[in-house]
Amino acid sequence: MHRLLFLAITLTAGLALAATNWDAAGKQWWAHVQYLASDDLQGRDVGSPGFDKAANYVAREFEKAGLKPGAGTSYFQPVAFESVVIDPQRSSLSLVHKGVAARVPVPVEALLGYSAHAAPTIEAPLVFAGYGLTIPEAHWDDLKGLRVRGAVVVFLAGGPESISGNLRSHYSSNAERWKALRKAGAVGIISIQNPKTMEIPWSRTSLNWGKPVMSLADPAGRLFSASWNPAKADDLLAGSGHRFAEILNAADKHQPLPHFEIPASIKAAVATSKRAIASKNVVAIRPGDDPQLKNEFVVISAHLDHLGVGKPVNGDSIFNGAMDDASGDASLIEIAKALGHSRTSIRRSLLFLSVTGEEKGELGSRYFAEHPTVKGRIVADLNMDMYLPLFPLKWLEVQGLQESSLGNDIRTVAESAGVRVQADKEPNRNRFIRSDQYSFIKRGVPSLAFKFGYIPGGPEEKIFKDWYTNRYHAVSDDVNQPVDKAAAAQFNAILKDLAVRVADASSDPAWNSGSFFKRFATKAN
């Protein structure tokens, strides 16, 4: 009797201690977020003093955690960028109907693209091509039968529900879309977002237009690009016999979208200036203990950069990026602290990677994936980008859940922690190809990305979607927002256990036989 009472008291005390530890661990995690998302770092824009402060902070924390430098004798991998800035006074956009040019207000009605790939001038006819997708595996070609050569292709962002999410997402990426368009002879694109799926309202998107954009390499060709305010889409389609409401209605009902020529042309001038920008990835290693497997690496990643300083909103001009993605870097640090000094034997090496240039198009991770700082083989990437610990961790949404053996690993680890796993509930948003894990996937590396999950229709869904509407890429993504710190600590523990499980497994992670992404592993080999 006394023994049973002792066990009950011990169990109760253990549970209370566990709860207390989550709170304490959450506060430690939050302390890193508070520094990385502080006004002092000015939004951590690539190449800025604030970014350098952030990189130095992460490197120091990695060193204190007992991790080894991951770029030779340094924690830093240099990454060189070319920064492009548009000159609005010398740039213009016009719609030409029957020889009469009407100036389009930028950025109110449209946003001119201005990268290293941008054509300095253009005058070309317009065609509307549905979703603008060419997907050979699905026998889908929105360009077929249209006079695309020499034209600018207008399309509705998104894709047909009849095609699987990952297949659709891959071919919706800028690189794949441009490849198909160039092959068909198009000279540019104009995208129109579906208002129902826009993550950021146009009014806020337009505030960020004009900030520098960056590139790693010389362009493969000059192309025109723009995006059009959905509220003004009928101006673009005028005279075609089609209205934007008709197109949206077809999309909502999962019906084929129309394809047609627009009786107008686009005329534009894009004036830019360029300069070199130096930045860095932060790389650290917890060496493996198996002589045969220590040259295989499990990457745990997050991105360090955010949007810097922009136009003031209610007097605030700093895009602090607390959830996007100071939260992920703080998790990297806390996981490193849990494992760096640990004497627990782990067979493979763990590589902790905080990358630059995610907000510029996943450029820092792309550079690392193409120029790894370690000799050996990267076997997995576990990426944390804006995982959004906004409420208790009951469900964990995992992007890539069905694609590789990593899906079984995360199910096992999460469920042992009392957390249920969900697949991506909104595959049309293409999130699996919109962050740094995709740089590794394209090199054949099985990968996962994460979000706090929820049951559709529940209060957590409203919190999640309100965050996207009001805080995503906004100055309000700061340290004053409500966050569940204890839940973030629970997430960190799950990611730590997942990394150890993958690194200590008897075999490498592998793509599932039916995964679309398996093709990249074949190419890599």
Protein backbone atom coordinates (compact mmCIF):
# COMPACT_ATOMS: atom_id res chain seq x y z
CA MET A 1 0.00 0.00 0.00
CA HIS A 2 2.74 2.40 1.00
CA ARG A 3 4.69 1.44 -2.12
CA LEU A 4 1.68 2.15 -4.37
CA LEU A 5 1.11 5.48 -2.64
CA PHE A 6 4.78 6.35 -3.15
CA LEU A 7 4.56 5.48 -6.84
CA ALA A 8 1.41 7.58 -7.25
CA ILE A 9 3.02 10.56 -5.52
CA THR A 10 6.17 10.15 -7.62
CA LEU A 11 4.16 9.95 -10.86
CA THR A 12 2.13 13.05 -9.96
CA ALA A 13 5.28 14.96 -9.08
CA GLY A 14 6.89 13.80 -12.31
CA LEU A 15 3.98 15.08 -14.37
CA ALA A 16 4.04 18.42 -12.57
CA LEU A 17 7.78 18.67 -13.10
CA ALA A 18 7.35 17.89 -16.80
CA ALA A 19 4.80 20.70 -17.11
CA THR A 20 7.13 23.06 -15.25
CA ASN A 21 10.00 22.03 -17.51
CA TRP A 22 8.00 22.80 -20.65
CA ASP A 23 7.34 26.27 -19.30
CA ALA A 24 10.99 26.80 -18.41
CA ALA A 25 12.23 25.40 -21.72
CA GLY A 26 9.72 27.58 -23.54
CA LYS A 27 11.06 30.68 -21.82
CA GLN A 28 14.62 29.78 -22.85
CA TRP A 29 13.46 29.33 -26.46
CA TRP A 30 11.58 32.62 -26.34
CA ALA A 31 14.67 34.48 -25.09
CA HIS A 32 16.42 33.69 -28.39
CA VAL A 33 13.36 34.84 -30.35
CA GLN A 34 13.30 38.09 -28.39
CA TYR A 35 16.86 38.88 -29.38
CA LEU A 36 16.68 37.74 -33.01
CA ALA A 37 13.38 39.58 -33.58
CA SER A 38 14.35 42.70 -31.64
CA ASP A 39 14.23 46.14 -33.24
CA ASP A 40 17.99 46.33 -32.73
CA LEU A 41 18.47 43.79 -35.53
CA GLN A 42 16.32 45.82 -37.96
CA GLY A 43 14.56 42.85 -39.54
CA ARG A 44 17.71 40.81 -40.39
CA ASP A 45 17.75 41.67 -44.08
CA VAL A 46 20.39 39.87 -46.17
CA GLY A 47 23.68 41.78 -46.12
CA SER A 48 22.61 44.13 -43.32
CA PRO A 49 24.42 44.76 -40.01
CA GLY A 50 21.37 43.31 -38.26
CA PHE A 51 21.70 40.04 -40.16
CA ASP A 52 25.39 39.86 -39.27
CA LYS A 53 24.55 40.37 -35.59
CA ALA A 54 22.01 37.57 -35.81
CA ALA A 55 24.51 35.23 -37.54
CA ASN A 56 27.15 35.95 -34.89
CA TYR A 57 24.60 35.25 -32.13
CA VAL A 58 23.59 31.90 -33.61
CA ALA A 59 27.24 30.89 -34.13
CA ARG A 60 28.09 31.76 -30.51
CA GLU A 61 25.12 29.76 -29.25
CA PHE A 62 26.16 26.78 -31.40
CA GLU A 63 29.67 26.99 -29.97
CA LYS A 64 28.37 27.20 -26.39
CA ALA A 65 26.19 24.18 -27.10
CA GLY A 66 29.30 22.15 -27.94
CA LEU A 67 28.85 21.98 -31.72
CA LYS A 68 31.88 21.99 -34.01
CA PRO A 69 32.38 24.52 -36.84
CA GLY A 70 30.67 23.20 -39.96
CA ALA A 71 32.50 25.18 -42.65
CA GLY A 72 36.09 24.08 -42.20
CA THR A 73 37.43 25.93 -39.16
CA SER A 74 34.56 28.45 -39.29
CA TYR A 75 30.87 28.47 -38.45
CA PHE A 76 30.25 30.65 -41.52
CA GLN A 77 29.85 29.73 -45.19
CA PRO A 78 30.20 32.91 -47.31
CA VAL A 79 27.41 33.46 -49.84
CA ALA A 80 27.71 36.16 -52.52
CA PHE A 81 24.60 37.82 -53.91
CA GLU A 82 23.77 40.31 -56.62
CA SER A 83 21.23 42.81 -55.35
CA VAL A 84 18.82 44.42 -57.82
CA VAL A 85 16.86 47.60 -57.03
CA ILE A 86 14.18 49.08 -59.28
CA ASP A 87 14.04 52.78 -60.11
CA PRO A 88 10.30 53.58 -60.05
CA GLN A 89 10.82 56.94 -61.75
CA ARG A 90 12.36 55.34 -64.84
CA SER A 91 10.11 52.26 -64.88
CA SER A 92 6.60 52.03 -66.28
CA LEU A 93 3.78 49.67 -67.20
CA SER A 94 1.03 50.27 -69.76
CA LEU A 95 -1.85 48.36 -71.34
CA VAL A 96 -2.21 49.04 -75.05
CA HIS A 97 -5.70 48.71 -76.63
CA LYS A 98 -6.11 49.54 -80.33
CA GLY A 99 -2.87 51.49 -80.35
CA VAL A 100 -3.75 53.59 -77.29
CA ALA A 101 -1.52 53.08 -74.24
CA ALA A 102 -3.07 53.48 -70.77
CA ARG A 103 -0.62 53.79 -67.88
CA VAL A 104 -1.12 51.14 -65.15
CA PRO A 105 -0.49 52.50 -61.63
CA VAL A 106 2.31 50.56 -59.93
CA PRO A 107 2.07 49.18 -57.24
CA VAL A 108 -1.66 49.92 -56.84
CA GLU A 109 -2.96 47.86 -59.77
CA ALA A 110 0.06 45.74 -60.67
CA LEU A 111 3.57 44.89 -59.49
CA LEU A 112 6.44 44.95 -61.97
CA GLY A 113 8.97 42.16 -61.61
CA TYR A 114 12.57 43.34 -61.31
CA SER A 115 15.20 40.66 -60.87
CA ALA A 116 18.46 39.91 -62.59
CA HIS A 117 16.26 38.09 -65.12
CA ALA A 118 14.08 41.10 -65.95
CA ALA A 119 13.83 42.34 -69.53
CA PRO A 120 14.60 46.10 -69.55
CA THR A 121 11.86 46.81 -72.11
CA ILE A 122 9.03 44.87 -73.66
CA GLU A 123 6.02 45.29 -75.89
CA ALA A 124 4.15 42.05 -76.54
CA PRO A 125 0.63 40.64 -77.04
CA LEU A 126 -1.28 38.94 -74.23
CA VAL A 127 -2.84 35.49 -73.98
CA PHE A 128 -4.73 33.98 -71.04
CA ALA A 129 -3.62 30.39 -70.43
CA GLY A 130 -5.70 29.06 -67.54
CA TYR A 131 -3.23 28.11 -64.81
CA GLY A 132 -0.27 28.50 -67.18
CA LEU A 133 0.99 25.00 -66.38
CA THR A 134 2.68 22.33 -68.46
CA ILE A 135 2.72 18.98 -66.58
CA PRO A 136 3.81 16.12 -68.86
CA GLU A 137 3.09 13.35 -66.34
CA ALA A 138 -0.55 14.46 -66.10
CA HIS A 139 -0.87 15.12 -69.84
CA TRP A 140 -1.69 18.72 -68.98
CA ASP A 141 -0.62 21.62 -71.17
CA ASP A 142 -2.22 25.03 -70.74
CA LEU A 143 -0.07 26.40 -73.57
CA LYS A 144 -1.29 23.95 -76.21
CA GLY A 145 -3.24 25.59 -79.03
CA LEU A 146 -2.40 29.14 -77.92
CA ARG A 147 -0.23 31.56 -79.86
CA VAL A 148 2.32 31.77 -77.10
CA ARG A 149 5.49 32.52 -79.08
CA GLY A 150 6.44 36.15 -78.56
CA ALA A 151 3.55 36.69 -76.12
CA VAL A 152 3.15 37.41 -72.42
CA VAL A 153 1.16 34.62 -70.75
CA VAL A 154 -1.48 35.66 -68.22
CA PHE A 155 -2.59 32.96 -65.75
CA LEU A 156 -4.49 32.34 -62.53
CA ALA A 157 -2.20 31.23 -59.70
CA GLY A 158 -2.92 27.73 -58.40
CA GLY A 159 -3.69 24.60 -60.34
CA PRO A 160 -6.25 21.95 -61.21
CA GLU A 161 -7.54 19.82 -58.34
CA SER A 162 -7.41 16.76 -60.57
CA ILE A 163 -3.60 16.72 -60.40
CA SER A 164 -1.85 15.59 -57.22
CA GLY A 165 -0.58 18.36 -54.98
CA ASN A 166 3.15 17.61 -55.18
CA LEU A 167 3.14 17.17 -58.95
CA ARG A 168 1.18 20.39 -59.34
CA SER A 169 3.38 22.22 -56.82
CA HIS A 170 6.63 21.27 -58.52
CA TYR A 171 5.52 22.48 -61.93
CA SER A 172 4.09 25.65 -60.34
CA SER A 173 7.57 26.67 -59.16
CA ASN A 174 9.09 29.64 -60.94
CA ALA A 175 11.96 27.61 -62.37
CA GLU A 176 9.75 24.93 -63.91
CA ARG A 177 7.18 27.42 -65.17
CA TRP A 178 9.85 29.53 -66.87
CA LYS A 179 11.38 26.43 -68.42
CA ALA A 180 8.09 25.48 -70.11
CA LEU A 181 7.36 29.05 -71.15
CA ARG A 182 10.79 29.56 -72.69
CA LYS A 183 10.43 26.30 -74.61
CA ALA A 184 7.08 27.50 -75.98
CA GLY A 185 8.57 30.87 -76.96
CA ALA A 186 6.80 33.09 -74.41
CA VAL A 187 8.56 36.30 -73.41
CA GLY A 188 6.93 36.88 -70.04
CA ILE A 189 4.19 36.21 -67.51
CA ILE A 190 1.49 38.03 -65.59
CA SER A 191 0.06 36.16 -62.60
CA ILE A 192 -3.27 36.88 -60.93
CA GLN A 193 -3.90 35.49 -57.47
CA ASN A 194 -7.19 33.86 -56.57
CA PRO A 195 -8.55 36.13 -53.80
CA LYS A 196 -9.77 33.08 -51.87
CA THR A 197 -6.27 31.67 -51.53
CA MET A 198 -4.20 34.85 -51.15
CA GLU A 199 -2.04 34.59 -48.03
CA ILE A 200 -1.27 38.33 -47.96
CA PRO A 201 -3.78 41.04 -48.90
CA TRP A 202 -2.82 43.06 -51.97
CA SER A 203 -2.70 46.25 -49.91
CA ARG A 204 0.12 44.80 -47.82
CA THR A 205 1.90 43.05 -50.69
CA SER A 206 2.16 46.35 -52.52
CA LEU A 207 3.85 47.96 -49.49
CA ASN A 208 6.88 45.68 -49.95
CA TRP A 209 7.25 46.35 -53.68
CA GLY A 210 10.45 48.22 -54.45
CA LYS A 211 12.68 46.46 -51.90
CA PRO A 212 15.91 44.92 -53.25
CA VAL A 213 15.70 41.44 -54.75
CA MET A 214 18.67 39.11 -54.97
CA SER A 215 20.17 36.46 -57.20
CA LEU A 216 23.00 33.96 -56.91
CA ALA A 217 23.84 33.59 -60.58
CA ASP A 218 23.68 35.28 -63.97
CA PRO A 219 20.27 35.02 -65.63
CA ALA A 220 19.61 32.40 -68.28
CA GLY A 221 17.54 34.80 -70.33
CA ARG A 222 15.64 38.09 -70.13
CA LEU A 223 11.94 37.75 -69.35
CA PHE A 224 9.14 40.07 -68.30
CA SER A 225 7.12 39.34 -65.17
CA ALA A 226 4.36 41.08 -63.27
CA SER A 227 1.51 40.30 -60.91
CA TRP A 228 -1.91 41.92 -61.21
CA ASN A 229 -4.24 43.10 -58.47
CA PRO A 230 -7.21 40.67 -58.60
CA ALA A 231 -9.56 43.58 -57.94
CA LYS A 232 -8.38 45.11 -61.22
CA ALA A 233 -8.18 41.91 -63.28
CA ASP A 234 -11.09 42.90 -65.54
CA ASP A 235 -9.04 45.86 -66.78
CA LEU A 236 -6.45 43.39 -68.01
CA LEU A 237 -9.06 41.11 -69.63
CA ALA A 238 -11.07 43.93 -71.24
CA GLY A 239 -12.40 43.17 -74.71
CA SER A 240 -11.69 39.42 -74.48
CA GLY A 241 -15.31 38.43 -73.85
CA HIS A 242 -14.32 36.98 -70.49
CA ARG A 243 -14.53 38.40 -66.96
CA PHE A 244 -12.47 37.49 -63.94
CA ALA A 245 -15.56 36.35 -62.03
CA GLU A 246 -16.15 33.70 -64.73
CA ILE A 247 -12.60 32.39 -64.29
CA LEU A 248 -12.89 32.30 -60.49
CA ASN A 249 -16.23 30.53 -60.71
CA ALA A 250 -14.71 27.81 -62.90
CA ALA A 251 -11.79 27.45 -60.47
CA ASP A 252 -14.13 27.20 -57.47
CA LYS A 253 -16.14 24.46 -59.20
CA HIS A 254 -12.97 22.64 -60.33
CA GLN A 255 -13.96 23.13 -63.95
CA PRO A 256 -11.54 23.78 -66.85
CA LEU A 257 -10.45 27.39 -67.11
CA PRO A 258 -10.87 29.24 -70.41
CA HIS A 259 -7.93 29.89 -72.76
CA PHE A 260 -8.06 32.91 -75.04
CA GLU A 261 -6.19 35.75 -76.65
CA ILE A 262 -6.56 39.18 -75.03
CA PRO A 263 -7.02 42.00 -77.57
CA ALA A 264 -4.30 44.09 -75.99
CA SER A 265 -0.56 44.21 -75.51
CA ILE A 266 1.64 45.03 -72.58
CA LYS A 267 4.30 47.70 -72.75
CA ALA A 268 6.84 48.08 -69.98
CA ALA A 269 10.19 49.52 -69.02
CA VAL A 270 12.13 48.18 -66.04
CA ALA A 271 15.09 50.30 -64.91
CA THR A 272 17.31 48.75 -62.25
CA SER A 273 20.65 49.13 -60.54
CA LYS A 274 22.82 46.31 -59.18
CA ARG A 275 25.41 45.84 -56.47
CA ALA A 276 27.24 42.96 -54.83
CA ILE A 277 26.05 41.80 -51.40
CA ALA A 278 27.99 39.52 -49.05
CA SER A 279 26.16 37.27 -46.61
CA LYS A 280 26.66 33.93 -44.91
CA ASN A 281 25.11 30.64 -43.84
CA VAL A 282 25.76 29.50 -40.26
CA VAL A 283 26.86 25.84 -40.16
CA ALA A 284 27.67 23.65 -37.14
CA ILE A 285 28.10 19.91 -36.58
CA ARG A 286 27.46 17.39 -33.83
CA PRO A 287 29.80 14.63 -35.13
CA GLY A 288 28.47 11.10 -35.39
CA ASP A 289 29.91 8.28 -33.34
CA ASP A 290 29.85 5.43 -35.87
CA PRO A 291 33.12 5.20 -37.85
CA GLN A 292 31.20 3.95 -40.90
CA LEU A 293 28.30 6.42 -40.78
CA LYS A 294 29.72 9.63 -39.31
CA ASN A 295 30.25 11.01 -42.83
CA GLU A 296 26.49 10.86 -43.41
CA PHE A 297 24.63 13.97 -42.26
CA VAL A 298 21.10 14.67 -41.05
CA VAL A 299 20.46 18.40 -41.57
CA ILE A 300 18.29 20.40 -39.17
CA SER A 301 17.61 23.76 -40.80
CA ALA A 302 15.93 27.15 -40.44
CA HIS A 303 16.38 30.49 -42.16
CA LEU A 304 17.90 33.51 -40.44
CA ASP A 305 16.95 36.34 -42.78
CA HIS A 306 13.74 38.34 -42.90
CA LEU A 307 12.50 41.42 -44.76
CA GLY A 308 14.43 44.19 -43.03
CA VAL A 309 12.96 47.68 -42.94
CA GLY A 310 10.07 48.84 -45.15
CA LYS A 311 7.37 51.44 -45.43
CA PRO A 312 5.90 52.40 -42.02
CA VAL A 313 2.59 50.89 -40.91
CA ASN A 314 1.12 52.78 -37.94
CA GLY A 315 4.58 54.17 -37.27
CA ASP A 316 6.36 50.79 -37.34
CA SER A 317 8.71 50.05 -40.26
CA ILE A 318 10.66 47.03 -38.95
CA PHE A 319 9.74 43.56 -40.20
CA ASN A 320 10.98 41.70 -37.11
CA GLY A 321 10.15 38.18 -38.33
CA ALA A 322 9.56 36.63 -34.90
CA MET A 323 7.72 33.58 -36.25
CA ASP A 324 9.30 33.93 -39.72
CA ASP A 325 11.80 32.60 -38.83
CA ALA A 326 13.45 33.63 -35.56
CA SER A 327 11.30 30.88 -34.04
CA GLY A 328 13.07 28.26 -36.17
CA ASP A 329 16.53 29.57 -35.35
CA ALA A 330 15.67 29.60 -31.65
CA SER A 331 14.62 25.96 -32.00
CA LEU A 332 17.90 25.13 -33.75
CA ILE A 333 19.76 26.59 -30.77
CA GLU A 334 17.68 24.75 -28.17
CA ILE A 335 17.99 21.43 -30.01
CA ALA A 336 21.75 22.03 -30.31
CA LYS A 337 21.93 22.63 -26.54
CA ALA A 338 20.12 19.36 -25.91
CA LEU A 339 22.44 17.35 -28.16
CA GLY A 340 25.77 19.17 -28.43
CA HIS A 341 27.20 18.16 -25.04
CA SER A 342 25.22 14.93 -24.84
CA ARG A 343 27.27 11.76 -24.39
CA THR A 344 24.52 9.70 -25.98
CA SER A 345 25.95 7.80 -28.94
CA ILE A 346 24.42 8.85 -32.27
CA ARG A 347 25.61 7.03 -35.38
CA ARG A 348 25.35 9.72 -38.07
CA SER A 349 26.40 13.35 -37.79
CA LEU A 350 23.86 16.12 -37.19
CA LEU A 351 24.37 19.30 -39.20
CA PHE A 352 22.74 22.47 -37.84
CA LEU A 353 22.13 24.97 -40.62
CA SER A 354 20.83 28.54 -40.35
CA VAL A 355 20.63 29.91 -43.88
CA THR A 356 20.57 33.31 -45.48
CA GLY A 357 18.42 34.41 -48.40
CA GLU A 358 15.27 32.31 -47.88
CA GLU A 359 13.11 35.39 -48.36
CA LYS A 360 14.99 36.06 -51.60
CA GLY A 361 13.98 32.70 -53.10
CA GLU A 362 15.63 30.00 -50.92
CA LEU A 363 19.01 31.17 -52.20
CA GLY A 364 21.16 30.42 -49.14
CA SER A 365 19.92 26.84 -48.85
CA ARG A 366 20.27 26.38 -52.59
CA TYR A 367 23.88 27.52 -52.38
CA PHE A 368 24.60 25.16 -49.48
CA ALA A 369 22.89 22.20 -51.18
CA GLU A 370 24.93 22.80 -54.33
CA HIS A 371 28.16 23.59 -52.41
CA PRO A 372 28.02 21.64 -49.12
CA THR A 373 30.70 22.51 -46.59
CA VAL A 374 31.09 18.89 -45.48
CA LYS A 375 32.59 15.87 -47.19
CA GLY A 376 30.17 13.02 -47.15
CA ARG A 377 26.50 12.54 -47.92
CA ILE A 378 23.45 14.46 -46.73
CA VAL A 379 20.71 11.90 -46.09
CA ALA A 380 17.83 14.04 -44.74
CA ASP A 381 16.70 17.59 -44.09
CA LEU A 382 14.30 18.54 -41.27
CA ASN A 383 13.35 22.14 -41.95
CA MET A 384 11.71 24.59 -39.56
CA ASP A 385 10.23 27.64 -41.22
CA MET A 386 7.46 29.51 -39.46
CA TYR A 387 6.05 26.45 -37.72
CA LEU A 388 3.66 28.75 -35.80
CA PRO A 389 3.37 27.70 -32.13
CA LEU A 390 0.25 29.81 -31.64
CA PHE A 391 -1.74 27.29 -29.56
CA PRO A 392 -1.21 23.99 -27.70
CA LEU A 393 0.52 21.24 -29.69
CA LYS A 394 -2.13 18.57 -30.23
CA TRP A 395 -1.67 18.08 -33.99
CA LEU A 396 1.50 18.47 -36.05
CA GLU A 397 1.09 19.14 -39.76
CA VAL A 398 3.95 17.58 -41.71
CA GLN A 399 4.67 18.58 -45.29
CA GLY A 400 6.19 15.63 -47.14
CA LEU A 401 4.53 13.15 -44.79
CA GLN A 402 3.57 10.69 -47.55
CA GLU A 403 6.74 11.06 -49.62
CA SER A 404 9.48 9.18 -47.79
CA SER A 405 10.29 6.87 -44.90
CA LEU A 406 10.69 10.01 -42.79
CA GLY A 407 6.89 10.00 -42.56
CA ASN A 408 7.00 6.82 -40.47
CA ASP A 409 9.73 8.34 -38.28
CA ILE A 410 7.78 11.49 -37.46
CA ARG A 411 4.59 9.50 -36.80
CA THR A 412 6.43 7.30 -34.31
CA VAL A 413 8.15 10.17 -32.51
CA ALA A 414 5.15 12.51 -32.40
CA GLU A 415 2.67 9.87 -31.29
CA SER A 416 4.98 8.74 -28.48
CA ALA A 417 4.82 12.37 -27.31
CA GLY A 418 1.02 12.36 -27.43
CA VAL A 419 0.85 14.47 -30.61
CA ARG A 420 -1.09 13.37 -33.69
CA VAL A 421 0.29 13.90 -37.19
CA GLN A 422 -1.52 15.45 -40.17
CA ALA A 423 -0.64 15.76 -43.84
CA ASP A 424 -0.64 19.19 -45.49
CA LYS A 425 -4.24 20.42 -45.39
CA GLU A 426 -3.74 23.10 -48.06
CA PRO A 427 -1.57 21.54 -50.81
CA ASN A 428 -2.64 24.22 -53.30
CA ARG A 429 -0.53 26.74 -51.37
CA ASN A 430 2.56 24.80 -52.49
CA ARG A 431 4.25 25.16 -49.09
CA PHE A 432 6.37 22.02 -49.54
CA ILE A 433 8.28 23.68 -52.38
CA ARG A 434 8.28 27.19 -50.90
CA SER A 435 10.96 26.90 -48.26
CA ASP A 436 14.50 25.66 -47.81
CA GLN A 437 13.70 21.95 -47.74
CA TYR A 438 13.11 22.15 -51.47
CA SER A 439 16.76 23.00 -52.09
CA PHE A 440 17.61 19.59 -50.61
CA ILE A 441 14.72 17.75 -52.25
CA LYS A 442 15.97 18.86 -55.67
CA ARG A 443 19.31 17.23 -54.79
CA GLY A 444 17.52 13.95 -54.02
CA VAL A 445 17.43 14.32 -50.22
CA PRO A 446 14.27 13.15 -48.37
CA SER A 447 12.93 16.07 -46.33
CA LEU A 448 10.14 17.23 -44.04
CA ALA A 449 8.73 20.61 -43.03
CA PHE A 450 6.33 21.40 -40.19
CA LYS A 451 3.40 23.51 -39.00
CA PHE A 452 1.33 23.33 -35.84
CA GLY A 453 -1.81 21.49 -36.92
CA TYR A 454 -5.49 21.90 -36.17
CA ILE A 455 -8.91 20.40 -36.83
CA PRO A 456 -10.68 22.26 -39.67
CA GLY A 457 -13.52 24.35 -38.30
CA GLY A 458 -12.03 24.59 -34.81
CA PRO A 459 -10.77 27.70 -33.00
CA GLU A 460 -7.14 26.89 -33.83
CA GLU A 461 -7.90 27.15 -37.55
CA LYS A 462 -9.17 30.70 -37.04
CA ILE A 463 -6.03 31.62 -35.07
CA PHE A 464 -3.83 30.10 -37.77
CA LYS A 465 -5.56 31.83 -40.68
CA ASP A 466 -5.87 35.16 -38.85
CA TRP A 467 -2.11 35.05 -38.33
CA TYR A 468 -1.51 34.71 -42.05
CA THR A 469 -3.94 37.52 -42.85
CA ASN A 470 -2.64 39.95 -40.24
CA ARG A 471 0.98 39.04 -39.44
CA TYR A 472 2.59 37.08 -42.30
CA HIS A 473 5.27 39.34 -43.81
CA ALA A 474 3.90 42.22 -41.75
CA VAL A 475 5.48 44.46 -39.12
CA SER A 476 3.14 42.83 -36.59
CA ASP A 477 5.14 39.57 -36.70
CA ASP A 478 7.04 40.77 -33.65
CA VAL A 479 7.64 39.76 -30.03
CA ASN A 480 4.37 41.32 -28.84
CA GLN A 481 2.15 38.65 -30.40
CA PRO A 482 0.60 35.80 -28.39
CA VAL A 483 2.69 32.61 -28.60
CA ASP A 484 2.44 29.28 -26.74
CA LYS A 485 6.01 29.02 -25.45
CA ALA A 486 5.53 25.68 -23.69
CA ALA A 487 4.12 24.18 -26.90
CA ALA A 488 7.20 25.44 -28.78
CA ALA A 489 9.38 23.61 -26.25
CA GLN A 490 7.37 20.42 -26.83
CA PHE A 491 7.90 20.84 -30.57
CA ASN A 492 11.65 21.24 -30.02
CA ALA A 493 11.72 17.97 -28.09
CA ILE A 494 9.90 16.17 -30.91
CA LEU A 495 12.32 17.57 -33.52
CA LYS A 496 15.29 16.57 -31.37
CA ASP A 497 13.99 13.02 -30.99
CA LEU A 498 13.19 12.84 -34.70
CA ALA A 499 16.72 13.96 -35.65
CA VAL A 500 18.27 11.39 -33.32
CA ARG A 501 16.01 8.60 -34.59
CA VAL A 502 16.90 9.34 -38.23
CA ALA A 503 20.61 9.75 -37.47
CA ASP A 504 20.71 6.51 -35.48
CA ALA A 505 18.71 4.33 -37.89
CA SER A 506 20.19 1.21 -39.44
CA SER A 507 19.39 2.47 -42.95
CA ASP A 508 19.21 5.84 -44.68
CA PRO A 509 15.87 7.58 -45.26
CA ALA A 510 14.38 6.68 -48.65
CA TRP A 511 11.74 8.11 -50.95
CA ASN A 512 8.58 6.05 -51.16
CA SER A 513 8.18 4.16 -54.42
CA GLY A 514 5.22 6.27 -55.55
CA SER A 515 6.65 9.64 -54.60
CA PHE A 516 6.94 12.23 -57.33
CA PHE A 517 10.16 13.50 -55.74
CA LYS A 518 11.97 10.17 -56.05
CA ARG A 519 13.05 11.27 -59.55
CA PHE A 520 15.48 13.77 -58.02
CA ALA A 521 17.29 11.03 -56.11
CA THR A 522 17.65 9.09 -59.36
CA LYS A 523 19.15 12.13 -61.08
CA ALA A 524 21.48 12.78 -58.14
CA ASN A 525 22.80 9.24 -58.32
